[in-house]
Amino acid sequence: MKRFLYAIGTILVVALGLGFAYRNAAPVVVRYYGGLEWSAPLALILLSVLALGALLGFLSAFVRLVALRRQLMQSRKRVRQLEQEVANLRALPIKDVL
């Protein structure tokens, strides 16, 4: 059932996107600083901006992921050291004080 709903949702989004692209096929000029211009259909420009935003979001999340993985590795190393220290302390002989 879940797969069916995902398939219907995907088909709906693609159909709406194609309809939008068809209705907005006229070229739009995007002007940048320095006299740079890009002329393309509105749907292509919006898709490009969406892709660029997704890429930037992925890169920012990836940087954070790498930092968290490094921290996790350091924490695991510290846990192994502490476990070894506890094992060494447990192995010491106990002397009676009496």
C-alpha atoms as a PDB file:
ATOM      1  CA  MET A   1       0.000   0.000   0.000  1.00  0.00           C
ATOM      2  CA  LYS A   2       2.830   2.362   0.900  1.00  0.00           C
ATOM      3  CA  ARG A   3       4.591   1.726  -2.409  1.00  0.00           C
ATOM      4  CA  PHE A   4       1.365   2.385  -4.253  1.00  0.00           C
ATOM      5  CA  LEU A   5       0.927   5.748  -2.526  1.00  0.00           C
ATOM      6  CA  TYR A   6       4.537   6.702  -3.301  1.00  0.00           C
ATOM      7  CA  ALA A   7       4.033   5.738  -6.951  1.00  0.00           C
ATOM      8  CA  ILE A   8       0.830   7.802  -7.182  1.00  0.00           C
ATOM      9  CA  GLY A   9       2.545  10.755  -5.482  1.00  0.00           C
ATOM     10  CA  THR A  10       5.527  10.530  -7.840  1.00  0.00           C
ATOM     11  CA  ILE A  11       3.299  10.344 -10.907  1.00  0.00           C
ATOM     12  CA  LEU A  12       1.315  13.346  -9.665  1.00  0.00           C
ATOM     13  CA  VAL A  13       4.438  15.448  -9.018  1.00  0.00           C
ATOM     14  CA  VAL A  14       5.920  14.558 -12.423  1.00  0.00           C
ATOM     15  CA  ALA A  15       2.621  15.352 -14.179  1.00  0.00           C
ATOM     16  CA  LEU A  16       2.358  18.713 -12.413  1.00  0.00           C
ATOM     17  CA  GLY A  17       5.984  19.481 -13.249  1.00  0.00           C
ATOM     18  CA  LEU A  18       5.507  18.611 -16.913  1.00  0.00           C
ATOM     19  CA  GLY A  19       2.349  20.702 -17.048  1.00  0.00           C
ATOM     20  CA  PHE A  20       4.173  23.630 -15.490  1.00  0.00           C
ATOM     21  CA  ALA A  21       7.052  23.255 -17.951  1.00  0.00           C
ATOM     22  CA  TYR A  22       4.628  23.130 -20.890  1.00  0.00           C
ATOM     23  CA  ARG A  23       2.694  26.204 -19.750  1.00  0.00           C
ATOM     24  CA  ASN A  24       5.892  28.189 -19.034  1.00  0.00           C
ATOM     25  CA  ALA A  25       8.015  27.321 -22.053  1.00  0.00           C
ATOM     26  CA  ALA A  26       8.741  30.955 -22.978  1.00  0.00           C
ATOM     27  CA  PRO A  27      12.388  31.924 -22.521  1.00  0.00           C
ATOM     28  CA  VAL A  28      13.268  34.023 -19.517  1.00  0.00           C
ATOM     29  CA  VAL A  29      16.457  36.070 -19.276  1.00  0.00           C
ATOM     30  CA  VAL A  30      18.335  35.946 -15.994  1.00  0.00           C
ATOM     31  CA  ARG A  31      20.894  38.729 -15.681  1.00  0.00           C
ATOM     32  CA  TYR A  32      23.927  38.490 -13.417  1.00  0.00           C
ATOM     33  CA  TYR A  33      26.465  41.039 -12.332  1.00  0.00           C
ATOM     34  CA  GLY A  34      29.186  41.827 -14.818  1.00  0.00           C
ATOM     35  CA  GLY A  35      26.884  41.617 -17.833  1.00  0.00           C
ATOM     36  CA  LEU A  36      26.394  37.857 -17.675  1.00  0.00           C
ATOM     37  CA  GLU A  37      23.039  36.602 -18.928  1.00  0.00           C
ATOM     38  CA  TRP A  38      21.288  33.268 -19.191  1.00  0.00           C
ATOM     39  CA  SER A  39      18.259  32.788 -21.393  1.00  0.00           C
ATOM     40  CA  ALA A  40      16.286  29.584 -20.820  1.00  0.00           C
ATOM     41  CA  PRO A  41      12.706  28.429 -20.212  1.00  0.00           C
ATOM     42  CA  LEU A  42      11.380  29.295 -16.768  1.00  0.00           C
ATOM     43  CA  ALA A  43      10.962  25.643 -15.818  1.00  0.00           C
ATOM     44  CA  LEU A  44      14.634  24.932 -16.599  1.00  0.00           C
ATOM     45  CA  ILE A  45      15.778  27.923 -14.563  1.00  0.00           C
ATOM     46  CA  LEU A  46      13.650  26.866 -11.593  1.00  0.00           C
ATOM     47  CA  LEU A  47      14.869  23.276 -11.866  1.00  0.00           C
ATOM     48  CA  SER A  48      18.478  24.483 -12.000  1.00  0.00           C
ATOM     49  CA  VAL A  49      18.016  26.664  -8.927  1.00  0.00           C
ATOM     50  CA  LEU A  50      16.352  23.750  -7.104  1.00  0.00           C
ATOM     51  CA  ALA A  51      19.242  21.442  -8.024  1.00  0.00           C
ATOM     52  CA  LEU A  52      21.800  24.033  -6.911  1.00  0.00           C
ATOM     53  CA  GLY A  53      19.995  24.475  -3.588  1.00  0.00           C
ATOM     54  CA  ALA A  54      19.865  20.713  -3.054  1.00  0.00           C
ATOM     55  CA  LEU A  55      23.577  20.434  -3.848  1.00  0.00           C
ATOM     56  CA  LEU A  56      24.490  23.215  -1.417  1.00  0.00           C
ATOM     57  CA  GLY A  57      22.291  21.648   1.267  1.00  0.00           C
ATOM     58  CA  PHE A  58      23.932  18.273   0.704  1.00  0.00           C
ATOM     59  CA  LEU A  59      27.419  19.775   0.920  1.00  0.00           C
ATOM     60  CA  SER A  60      26.650  21.617   4.151  1.00  0.00           C
ATOM     61  CA  ALA A  61      25.170  18.450   5.674  1.00  0.00           C
ATOM     62  CA  PHE A  62      28.162  16.442   4.449  1.00  0.00           C
ATOM     63  CA  VAL A  63      30.619  18.778   6.204  1.00  0.00           C
ATOM     64  CA  ARG A  64      28.687  18.363   9.461  1.00  0.00           C
ATOM     65  CA  LEU A  65      28.499  14.595   8.946  1.00  0.00           C
ATOM     66  CA  VAL A  66      32.275  14.341   8.531  1.00  0.00           C
ATOM     67  CA  ALA A  67      32.832  16.350  11.724  1.00  0.00           C
ATOM     68  CA  LEU A  68      30.396  14.141  13.657  1.00  0.00           C
ATOM     69  CA  ARG A  69      32.018  10.954  12.355  1.00  0.00           C
ATOM     70  CA  ARG A  70      35.438  12.198  13.464  1.00  0.00           C
ATOM     71  CA  GLN A  71      34.041  12.994  16.911  1.00  0.00           C
ATOM     72  CA  LEU A  72      32.440   9.534  17.079  1.00  0.00           C
ATOM     73  CA  MET A  73      35.747   7.843  16.225  1.00  0.00           C
ATOM     74  CA  GLN A  74      37.526   9.831  18.946  1.00  0.00           C
ATOM     75  CA  SER A  75      34.827   8.916  21.462  1.00  0.00           C
ATOM     76  CA  ARG A  76      35.033   5.224  20.567  1.00  0.00           C
ATOM     77  CA  LYS A  77      38.812   5.314  20.973  1.00  0.00           C
ATOM     78  CA  ARG A  78      38.412   6.909  24.414  1.00  0.00           C
ATOM     79  CA  VAL A  79      35.832   4.255  25.416  1.00  0.00           C
ATOM     80  CA  ARG A  80      38.245   1.481  24.369  1.00  0.00           C
ATOM     81  CA  GLN A  81      40.989   3.078  26.468  1.00  0.00           C
ATOM     82  CA  LEU A  82      38.706   3.346  29.486  1.00  0.00           C
ATOM     83  CA  GLU A  83      37.505  -0.245  29.073  1.00  0.00           C
ATOM     84  CA  GLN A  84      41.120  -1.413  28.957  1.00  0.00           C
ATOM     85  CA  GLU A  85      41.883   0.590  32.088  1.00  0.00           C
ATOM     86  CA  VAL A  86      38.914  -0.986  33.913  1.00  0.00           C
ATOM     87  CA  ALA A  87      40.005  -4.455  32.784  1.00  0.00           C
ATOM     88  CA  ASN A  88      43.521  -3.791  34.096  1.00  0.00           C
ATOM     89  CA  LEU A  89      42.166  -2.612  37.448  1.00  0.00           C
ATOM     90  CA  ARG A  90      39.986  -5.699  37.759  1.00  0.00           C
ATOM     91  CA  ALA A  91      42.969  -7.918  37.108  1.00  0.00           C
ATOM     92  CA  LEU A  92      44.938  -6.514  40.063  1.00  0.00           C
ATOM     93  CA  PRO A  93      45.119  -8.850  43.036  1.00  0.00           C
ATOM     94  CA  ILE A  94      43.139  -7.826  46.095  1.00  0.00           C
ATOM     95  CA  LYS A  95      45.136  -7.843  49.359  1.00  0.00           C
ATOM     96  CA  ASP A  96      43.413  -8.211  52.670  1.00  0.00           C
ATOM     97  CA  VAL A  97      44.230  -5.401  55.066  1.00  0.00           C
ATOM     98  CA  LEU A  98      43.527  -7.486  58.162  1.00  0.00           C
END
